[in-house]
């Protein structure tokens, strides 16, 4: 079996393992963040692939879709669920900005390494900073959506008393 398939299997195991770090009292928040991010990343992923900016030579369901089901439909949404449930509420702006930068940077570095050393993703008309910017925007949008969705339950999900 090629290394790319082992990486895809590892991504599923690691992503599923991340779900165990979500506090029980914030499961509803995690589900909303997961589903919202899933919609955004899957649609953006389809557009980017159809425009020819990215290619996924090795992927699940190649006869159905040219986007990466693993990353855009599972891994990124799981990380977004973790992002929202562990968000540093009631902290200073520099700490919150650092939180966004940390998540976006780690995910971008991993994607660049995967692009460079495997055939899971190929940048055609794409650069690493497009990934970073799109991650930042989608994390921000997911945060806004979760705040709006749980507007009447802020004290429970966002540590506001």
N, C-alpha and C. Protein backbone atom coordinates (compact mmCIF):
# COMPACT_ATOMS: atom_id res chain seq x y z
N UNK A 1 0.85 -1.17 0.00
CA UNK A 1 0.00 0.00 0.00
C UNK A 1 0.89 1.24 0.00
N UNK A 2 0.51 2.22 -0.78
CA UNK A 2 1.28 3.46 -0.87
C UNK A 2 1.21 4.26 0.41
N UNK A 3 2.23 5.07 0.63
CA UNK A 3 2.31 5.90 1.84
C UNK A 3 1.11 6.84 1.94
N UNK A 4 0.60 7.30 0.80
CA UNK A 4 -0.54 8.22 0.81
C UNK A 4 -1.78 7.59 1.47
N UNK A 5 -2.00 6.32 1.23
CA UNK A 5 -3.15 5.65 1.84
C UNK A 5 -2.95 5.49 3.33
N UNK A 6 -1.73 5.26 3.75
CA UNK A 6 -1.44 5.18 5.18
C UNK A 6 -1.67 6.54 5.85
N UNK A 7 -1.30 7.60 5.15
CA UNK A 7 -1.52 8.95 5.69
C UNK A 7 -3.02 9.23 5.82
N UNK A 8 -3.80 8.84 4.81
CA UNK A 8 -5.25 9.04 4.89
C UNK A 8 -5.84 8.27 6.08
N UNK A 9 -5.39 7.05 6.28
CA UNK A 9 -5.87 6.27 7.43
C UNK A 9 -5.46 6.95 8.73
N UNK A 10 -4.22 7.43 8.79
CA UNK A 10 -3.74 8.13 9.98
C UNK A 10 -4.56 9.39 10.26
N UNK A 11 -4.91 10.12 9.21
CA UNK A 11 -5.72 11.33 9.37
C UNK A 11 -7.07 10.98 9.99
N UNK A 12 -7.67 9.89 9.56
CA UNK A 12 -8.95 9.48 10.16
C UNK A 12 -8.78 9.12 11.63
N UNK A 13 -7.72 8.39 11.96
CA UNK A 13 -7.49 8.02 13.36
C UNK A 13 -7.20 9.24 14.23
N UNK A 14 -6.34 10.13 13.75
CA UNK A 14 -5.99 11.32 14.52
C UNK A 14 -7.21 12.23 14.67
N UNK A 15 -7.95 12.42 13.59
CA UNK A 15 -9.14 13.28 13.66
C UNK A 15 -10.17 12.71 14.63
N UNK A 16 -10.36 11.42 14.58
CA UNK A 16 -11.30 10.79 15.51
C UNK A 16 -10.78 10.92 16.94
N UNK A 17 -9.48 10.78 17.13
CA UNK A 17 -8.88 10.94 18.45
C UNK A 17 -9.06 12.35 19.00
N UNK A 18 -9.02 13.34 18.12
CA UNK A 18 -9.22 14.73 18.53
C UNK A 18 -10.60 14.92 19.15
N UNK A 19 -11.56 14.18 18.65
CA UNK A 19 -12.93 14.31 19.17
C UNK A 19 -13.02 13.98 20.65
N UNK A 20 -12.10 13.17 21.16
CA UNK A 20 -12.11 12.82 22.58
C UNK A 20 -11.62 13.97 23.47
N UNK A 21 -11.06 15.02 22.86
CA UNK A 21 -10.61 16.19 23.63
C UNK A 21 -11.67 17.28 23.70
N UNK A 22 -12.85 16.98 23.21
CA UNK A 22 -13.95 17.93 23.27
C UNK A 22 -14.72 17.68 24.57
N UNK A 23 -14.86 18.72 25.40
CA UNK A 23 -15.58 18.55 26.67
C UNK A 23 -17.04 18.12 26.44
N UNK A 24 -17.52 17.23 27.29
CA UNK A 24 -18.88 16.71 27.14
C UNK A 24 -19.93 17.81 27.14
N UNK A 25 -19.74 18.83 27.97
CA UNK A 25 -20.74 19.89 28.05
C UNK A 25 -20.75 20.79 26.81
N UNK A 26 -19.79 20.59 25.91
CA UNK A 26 -19.74 21.42 24.70
C UNK A 26 -19.92 20.59 23.43
N UNK A 27 -20.53 19.42 23.56
CA UNK A 27 -20.76 18.55 22.39
C UNK A 27 -21.65 19.25 21.36
N UNK A 28 -22.70 19.92 21.82
CA UNK A 28 -23.60 20.62 20.87
C UNK A 28 -22.84 21.70 20.11
N UNK A 29 -22.00 22.44 20.80
CA UNK A 29 -21.18 23.45 20.14
C UNK A 29 -20.26 22.80 19.11
N UNK A 30 -19.67 21.68 19.46
CA UNK A 30 -18.77 20.97 18.55
C UNK A 30 -19.51 20.50 17.29
N UNK A 31 -20.71 20.00 17.47
CA UNK A 31 -21.49 19.51 16.32
C UNK A 31 -21.85 20.66 15.39
N UNK A 32 -22.27 21.78 15.95
CA UNK A 32 -22.62 22.94 15.12
C UNK A 32 -21.39 23.45 14.37
N UNK A 33 -20.26 23.57 15.07
CA UNK A 33 -19.03 24.03 14.42
C UNK A 33 -18.60 23.05 13.33
N UNK A 34 -18.67 21.76 13.63
CA UNK A 34 -18.30 20.72 12.67
C UNK A 34 -19.14 20.83 11.40
N UNK A 35 -20.45 20.88 11.55
CA UNK A 35 -21.33 20.92 10.39
C UNK A 35 -21.18 22.21 9.59
N UNK A 36 -21.02 23.32 10.29
CA UNK A 36 -20.84 24.59 9.58
C UNK A 36 -19.54 24.59 8.78
N UNK A 37 -18.45 24.16 9.41
CA UNK A 37 -17.16 24.11 8.71
C UNK A 37 -17.21 23.11 7.55
N UNK A 38 -17.94 22.02 7.75
CA UNK A 38 -18.06 21.01 6.70
C UNK A 38 -18.72 21.60 5.45
N UNK A 39 -19.75 22.37 5.64
CA UNK A 39 -20.42 23.01 4.50
C UNK A 39 -19.47 23.95 3.78
N UNK A 40 -18.80 24.81 4.55
CA UNK A 40 -17.91 25.81 3.95
C UNK A 40 -16.74 25.14 3.23
N UNK A 41 -16.03 24.25 3.91
CA UNK A 41 -14.82 23.68 3.30
C UNK A 41 -15.14 22.78 2.12
N UNK A 42 -16.23 22.05 2.21
CA UNK A 42 -16.56 21.17 1.11
C UNK A 42 -16.94 21.97 -0.12
N UNK A 43 -17.73 23.03 0.05
CA UNK A 43 -18.10 23.86 -1.10
C UNK A 43 -16.89 24.60 -1.68
N UNK A 44 -16.08 25.18 -0.81
CA UNK A 44 -14.87 25.87 -1.29
C UNK A 44 -13.94 24.88 -1.97
N UNK A 45 -13.79 23.70 -1.37
CA UNK A 45 -12.94 22.67 -1.97
C UNK A 45 -13.39 22.28 -3.36
N UNK A 46 -14.69 22.14 -3.54
CA UNK A 46 -15.21 21.81 -4.87
C UNK A 46 -14.92 22.91 -5.88
N UNK A 47 -15.13 24.15 -5.47
CA UNK A 47 -14.88 25.28 -6.37
C UNK A 47 -13.40 25.35 -6.74
N UNK A 48 -12.53 25.23 -5.77
CA UNK A 48 -11.09 25.32 -6.01
C UNK A 48 -10.61 24.22 -6.95
N UNK A 49 -11.13 23.02 -6.77
CA UNK A 49 -10.75 21.91 -7.64
C UNK A 49 -11.31 22.11 -9.05
N UNK A 50 -12.55 22.53 -9.14
CA UNK A 50 -13.15 22.74 -10.45
C UNK A 50 -12.47 23.87 -11.23
N UNK A 51 -11.96 24.86 -10.51
CA UNK A 51 -11.23 25.95 -11.18
C UNK A 51 -9.81 25.54 -11.55
N UNK A 52 -9.38 24.39 -11.08
CA UNK A 52 -8.04 23.89 -11.42
C UNK A 52 -6.93 24.48 -10.58
N UNK A 53 -7.23 25.03 -9.43
CA UNK A 53 -6.21 25.62 -8.57
C UNK A 53 -5.49 24.55 -7.75
N UNK A 54 -6.21 23.48 -7.41
CA UNK A 54 -5.65 22.38 -6.63
C UNK A 54 -6.05 21.07 -7.29
N UNK A 55 -5.24 20.05 -7.06
CA UNK A 55 -5.60 18.69 -7.48
C UNK A 55 -5.34 17.75 -6.32
N UNK A 56 -6.14 16.72 -6.25
CA UNK A 56 -5.97 15.66 -5.26
C UNK A 56 -5.79 14.35 -6.03
N UNK A 57 -4.55 14.04 -6.45
CA UNK A 57 -4.33 12.83 -7.26
C UNK A 57 -4.76 11.54 -6.57
N UNK A 58 -4.53 11.44 -5.28
CA UNK A 58 -4.93 10.25 -4.52
C UNK A 58 -5.95 10.69 -3.48
N UNK A 59 -7.16 10.11 -3.56
CA UNK A 59 -8.23 10.52 -2.67
C UNK A 59 -9.28 9.43 -2.58
N UNK A 60 -10.11 9.53 -1.57
CA UNK A 60 -11.26 8.64 -1.47
C UNK A 60 -12.32 9.06 -2.47
N UNK A 61 -13.10 8.14 -2.93
CA UNK A 61 -14.21 8.38 -3.85
C UNK A 61 -13.80 9.13 -5.12
N UNK A 62 -12.77 8.68 -5.83
CA UNK A 62 -12.31 9.41 -7.01
C UNK A 62 -13.33 9.47 -8.15
N UNK A 63 -14.24 8.50 -8.23
CA UNK A 63 -15.22 8.53 -9.31
C UNK A 63 -16.40 9.45 -9.00
N UNK A 64 -16.50 9.89 -7.77
CA UNK A 64 -17.64 10.73 -7.37
C UNK A 64 -17.27 12.21 -7.36
N UNK A 65 -16.04 12.51 -6.93
CA UNK A 65 -15.71 13.89 -6.65
C UNK A 65 -14.19 14.07 -6.72
N UNK A 66 -13.76 15.22 -7.21
CA UNK A 66 -12.31 15.45 -7.34
C UNK A 66 -11.71 16.16 -6.13
N UNK A 67 -12.52 16.54 -5.18
CA UNK A 67 -12.03 17.18 -3.97
C UNK A 67 -11.62 16.09 -2.96
N UNK A 68 -10.94 16.52 -1.90
CA UNK A 68 -10.49 15.58 -0.88
C UNK A 68 -11.56 15.42 0.19
N UNK A 69 -12.26 14.31 0.14
CA UNK A 69 -13.29 14.02 1.13
C UNK A 69 -12.68 13.97 2.52
N UNK A 70 -11.52 13.35 2.65
CA UNK A 70 -10.88 13.17 3.95
C UNK A 70 -10.60 14.49 4.65
N UNK A 71 -9.97 15.41 3.95
CA UNK A 71 -9.57 16.66 4.59
C UNK A 71 -10.71 17.65 4.69
N UNK A 72 -11.46 17.83 3.62
CA UNK A 72 -12.47 18.88 3.61
C UNK A 72 -13.78 18.48 4.27
N UNK A 73 -14.07 17.19 4.31
CA UNK A 73 -15.34 16.76 4.86
C UNK A 73 -15.20 16.15 6.25
N UNK A 74 -13.96 15.86 6.68
CA UNK A 74 -13.80 15.27 8.00
C UNK A 74 -12.72 15.95 8.84
N UNK A 75 -11.48 15.98 8.38
CA UNK A 75 -10.36 16.48 9.20
C UNK A 75 -10.51 17.96 9.55
N UNK A 76 -10.73 18.82 8.56
CA UNK A 76 -10.87 20.25 8.85
C UNK A 76 -12.07 20.54 9.76
N UNK A 77 -13.23 19.94 9.52
CA UNK A 77 -14.35 20.17 10.44
C UNK A 77 -14.09 19.68 11.86
N UNK A 78 -13.39 18.56 12.02
CA UNK A 78 -13.06 18.08 13.37
C UNK A 78 -12.17 19.10 14.08
N UNK A 79 -11.18 19.62 13.38
CA UNK A 79 -10.29 20.62 13.97
C UNK A 79 -11.07 21.89 14.30
N UNK A 80 -12.02 22.24 13.47
CA UNK A 80 -12.85 23.41 13.74
C UNK A 80 -13.71 23.19 14.99
N UNK A 81 -14.20 21.99 15.18
CA UNK A 81 -14.97 21.68 16.39
C UNK A 81 -14.09 21.86 17.62
N UNK A 82 -12.86 21.36 17.55
CA UNK A 82 -11.91 21.54 18.66
C UNK A 82 -11.61 23.02 18.86
N UNK A 83 -11.38 23.73 17.77
CA UNK A 83 -11.10 25.16 17.81
C UNK A 83 -12.19 25.92 18.57
N UNK A 84 -13.44 25.64 18.25
CA UNK A 84 -14.55 26.37 18.88
C UNK A 84 -14.80 25.95 20.32
N UNK A 85 -14.59 24.69 20.63
CA UNK A 85 -14.85 24.25 22.01
C UNK A 85 -13.73 24.64 22.96
N UNK A 86 -12.55 24.87 22.46
CA UNK A 86 -11.41 25.26 23.30
C UNK A 86 -11.05 26.74 23.13
N UNK A 87 -11.94 27.49 22.49
CA UNK A 87 -11.70 28.91 22.21
C UNK A 87 -11.42 29.69 23.50
N UNK A 88 -10.42 30.59 23.48
CA UNK A 88 -10.07 31.34 24.70
C UNK A 88 -11.03 32.51 24.95
N UNK A 89 -12.21 32.20 25.42
CA UNK A 89 -13.21 33.23 25.72
C UNK A 89 -12.69 34.18 26.80
N UNK A 90 -13.16 35.40 26.75
CA UNK A 90 -12.84 36.41 27.77
C UNK A 90 -11.34 36.65 27.92
N UNK A 91 -10.60 36.51 26.85
CA UNK A 91 -9.16 36.76 26.88
C UNK A 91 -8.86 38.00 26.05
N UNK A 92 -7.64 38.47 26.11
CA UNK A 92 -7.27 39.69 25.38
C UNK A 92 -7.20 39.41 23.87
N UNK A 93 -7.30 40.48 23.11
CA UNK A 93 -7.25 40.37 21.65
C UNK A 93 -5.96 39.71 21.15
N UNK A 94 -4.78 40.03 21.71
CA UNK A 94 -3.56 39.34 21.23
C UNK A 94 -3.60 37.83 21.46
N UNK A 95 -4.18 37.40 22.56
CA UNK A 95 -4.26 35.95 22.82
C UNK A 95 -5.23 35.30 21.85
N UNK A 96 -6.34 35.94 21.60
CA UNK A 96 -7.32 35.40 20.65
C UNK A 96 -6.73 35.36 19.25
N UNK A 97 -6.05 36.42 18.84
CA UNK A 97 -5.40 36.43 17.53
C UNK A 97 -4.33 35.34 17.44
N UNK A 98 -3.58 35.14 18.51
CA UNK A 98 -2.57 34.09 18.55
C UNK A 98 -3.20 32.71 18.39
N UNK A 99 -4.37 32.54 18.97
CA UNK A 99 -5.11 31.28 18.86
C UNK A 99 -5.45 30.99 17.40
N UNK A 100 -5.97 31.99 16.70
CA UNK A 100 -6.26 31.84 15.27
C UNK A 100 -4.98 31.55 14.49
N UNK A 101 -3.95 32.32 14.75
CA UNK A 101 -2.68 32.16 14.03
C UNK A 101 -2.10 30.77 14.26
N UNK A 102 -2.16 30.28 15.49
CA UNK A 102 -1.63 28.95 15.80
C UNK A 102 -2.36 27.87 15.01
N UNK A 103 -3.68 27.86 15.07
CA UNK A 103 -4.44 26.84 14.35
C UNK A 103 -4.20 26.91 12.85
N UNK A 104 -4.27 28.10 12.28
CA UNK A 104 -4.09 28.26 10.84
C UNK A 104 -2.67 27.89 10.40
N UNK A 105 -1.68 28.28 11.19
CA UNK A 105 -0.29 28.01 10.83
C UNK A 105 0.04 26.52 10.90
N UNK A 106 -0.40 25.86 11.96
CA UNK A 106 -0.13 24.42 12.08
C UNK A 106 -0.78 23.66 10.93
N UNK A 107 -2.03 23.98 10.64
CA UNK A 107 -2.71 23.29 9.54
C UNK A 107 -2.07 23.58 8.19
N UNK A 108 -1.62 24.81 7.99
CA UNK A 108 -0.97 25.17 6.73
C UNK A 108 0.36 24.46 6.59
N UNK A 109 1.15 24.41 7.65
CA UNK A 109 2.44 23.71 7.60
C UNK A 109 2.24 22.23 7.27
N UNK A 110 1.26 21.62 7.89
CA UNK A 110 0.98 20.21 7.61
C UNK A 110 0.57 20.04 6.14
N UNK A 111 -0.30 20.92 5.65
CA UNK A 111 -0.71 20.82 4.25
C UNK A 111 0.46 21.01 3.29
N UNK A 112 1.33 21.96 3.57
CA UNK A 112 2.49 22.20 2.71
C UNK A 112 3.41 20.98 2.69
N UNK A 113 3.61 20.36 3.86
CA UNK A 113 4.44 19.16 3.91
C UNK A 113 3.79 18.02 3.13
N UNK A 114 2.48 17.88 3.26
CA UNK A 114 1.77 16.84 2.50
C UNK A 114 1.88 17.13 1.00
N UNK A 115 1.76 18.38 0.63
CA UNK A 115 1.87 18.75 -0.79
C UNK A 115 3.27 18.48 -1.33
N UNK A 116 4.27 18.76 -0.52
CA UNK A 116 5.65 18.63 -0.98
C UNK A 116 6.11 17.17 -1.07
N UNK A 117 5.70 16.34 -0.11
CA UNK A 117 6.25 15.01 0.00
C UNK A 117 5.31 13.87 -0.41
N UNK A 118 4.07 14.17 -0.74
CA UNK A 118 3.15 13.10 -1.14
C UNK A 118 2.38 13.51 -2.39
N UNK A 119 1.53 12.62 -2.83
CA UNK A 119 0.66 12.91 -3.97
C UNK A 119 -0.79 13.09 -3.53
N UNK A 120 -0.98 13.45 -2.28
CA UNK A 120 -2.34 13.66 -1.79
C UNK A 120 -2.91 15.00 -2.25
N UNK A 121 -2.05 15.98 -2.44
CA UNK A 121 -2.49 17.29 -2.91
C UNK A 121 -1.40 17.88 -3.80
N UNK A 122 -1.83 18.58 -4.83
CA UNK A 122 -0.90 19.25 -5.74
C UNK A 122 -1.38 20.68 -5.93
N UNK A 123 -0.50 21.62 -5.63
CA UNK A 123 -0.82 23.03 -5.88
C UNK A 123 -0.60 23.30 -7.36
N UNK A 124 -1.63 23.73 -8.05
CA UNK A 124 -1.51 24.08 -9.47
C UNK A 124 -1.38 25.60 -9.58
N UNK A 125 -2.43 26.29 -9.21
CA UNK A 125 -2.42 27.76 -9.15
C UNK A 125 -2.78 28.15 -7.72
N UNK A 126 -2.04 27.68 -6.80
CA UNK A 126 -2.33 27.84 -5.37
C UNK A 126 -1.03 28.06 -4.64
N UNK A 127 -1.09 28.78 -3.54
CA UNK A 127 0.08 29.00 -2.69
C UNK A 127 -0.32 28.73 -1.25
N UNK A 128 0.67 28.53 -0.41
CA UNK A 128 0.40 28.21 0.99
C UNK A 128 -0.40 29.31 1.68
N UNK A 129 -0.15 30.57 1.31
CA UNK A 129 -0.85 31.66 1.99
C UNK A 129 -2.33 31.71 1.64
N UNK A 130 -2.74 31.14 0.49
CA UNK A 130 -4.17 31.03 0.19
C UNK A 130 -4.82 30.07 1.20
N UNK A 131 -4.11 29.01 1.51
CA UNK A 131 -4.61 28.06 2.51
C UNK A 131 -4.74 28.76 3.85
N UNK A 132 -3.70 29.47 4.26
CA UNK A 132 -3.71 30.13 5.57
C UNK A 132 -4.85 31.13 5.67
N UNK A 133 -5.00 31.94 4.64
CA UNK A 133 -6.06 32.97 4.64
C UNK A 133 -7.44 32.31 4.65
N UNK A 134 -7.63 31.29 3.83
CA UNK A 134 -8.94 30.64 3.78
C UNK A 134 -9.26 29.94 5.11
N UNK A 135 -8.26 29.36 5.76
CA UNK A 135 -8.48 28.76 7.07
C UNK A 135 -8.87 29.82 8.09
N UNK A 136 -8.16 30.93 8.08
CA UNK A 136 -8.45 32.01 9.02
C UNK A 136 -9.89 32.50 8.84
N UNK A 137 -10.27 32.74 7.61
CA UNK A 137 -11.62 33.24 7.33
C UNK A 137 -12.67 32.22 7.73
N UNK A 138 -12.45 30.94 7.41
CA UNK A 138 -13.46 29.94 7.75
C UNK A 138 -13.54 29.69 9.25
N UNK A 139 -12.41 29.77 9.96
CA UNK A 139 -12.47 29.66 11.42
C UNK A 139 -13.25 30.85 12.01
N UNK A 140 -12.97 32.02 11.48
CA UNK A 140 -13.67 33.21 11.97
C UNK A 140 -15.17 33.13 11.69
N UNK A 141 -15.53 32.71 10.47
CA UNK A 141 -16.94 32.56 10.14
C UNK A 141 -17.62 31.51 11.01
N UNK A 142 -16.92 30.42 11.27
CA UNK A 142 -17.51 29.38 12.11
C UNK A 142 -17.71 29.91 13.53
N UNK A 143 -16.78 30.70 14.01
CA UNK A 143 -16.92 31.28 15.34
C UNK A 143 -18.12 32.22 15.40
N UNK A 144 -18.27 33.07 14.39
CA UNK A 144 -19.42 33.98 14.34
C UNK A 144 -20.73 33.20 14.28
N UNK A 145 -20.75 32.15 13.47
CA UNK A 145 -21.96 31.35 13.35
C UNK A 145 -22.31 30.69 14.68
N UNK A 146 -21.32 30.14 15.36
CA UNK A 146 -21.58 29.49 16.65
C UNK A 146 -22.07 30.50 17.68
N UNK A 147 -21.49 31.68 17.69
CA UNK A 147 -21.96 32.72 18.62
C UNK A 147 -23.41 33.08 18.33
N UNK A 148 -23.74 33.22 17.05
CA UNK A 148 -25.11 33.53 16.68
C UNK A 148 -26.06 32.38 17.02
N UNK A 149 -25.65 31.16 16.69
CA UNK A 149 -26.50 29.99 16.89
C UNK A 149 -26.84 29.78 18.36
N UNK A 150 -25.86 30.01 19.23
CA UNK A 150 -26.06 29.81 20.66
C UNK A 150 -26.24 31.13 21.40
N UNK A 151 -26.81 32.11 20.75
CA UNK A 151 -26.97 33.44 21.32
C UNK A 151 -27.65 33.41 22.69
N UNK A 152 -28.67 32.60 22.86
CA UNK A 152 -29.40 32.54 24.13
C UNK A 152 -28.75 31.61 25.15
N UNK A 153 -27.71 30.92 24.76
CA UNK A 153 -27.05 29.96 25.67
C UNK A 153 -25.58 30.31 25.87
N UNK A 154 -25.24 31.59 25.73
CA UNK A 154 -23.84 32.02 25.81
C UNK A 154 -23.16 31.57 27.10
N UNK A 155 -23.81 31.66 28.21
CA UNK A 155 -23.18 31.32 29.49
C UNK A 155 -22.75 29.86 29.52
N UNK A 156 -23.49 29.00 28.88
CA UNK A 156 -23.16 27.57 28.89
C UNK A 156 -21.98 27.27 27.98
N UNK A 157 -21.99 27.80 26.77
CA UNK A 157 -21.01 27.40 25.77
C UNK A 157 -19.80 28.33 25.65
N UNK A 158 -19.91 29.53 26.14
CA UNK A 158 -18.82 30.48 25.91
C UNK A 158 -18.27 31.06 27.20
N UNK A 159 -18.47 30.37 28.33
CA UNK A 159 -17.90 30.74 29.62
C UNK A 159 -18.24 32.17 30.04
N UNK A 160 -19.39 32.64 29.67
CA UNK A 160 -19.81 33.98 30.08
C UNK A 160 -20.86 33.83 31.17
N UNK A 161 -20.63 34.43 32.28
CA UNK A 161 -21.56 34.32 33.40
C UNK A 161 -22.48 35.52 33.43
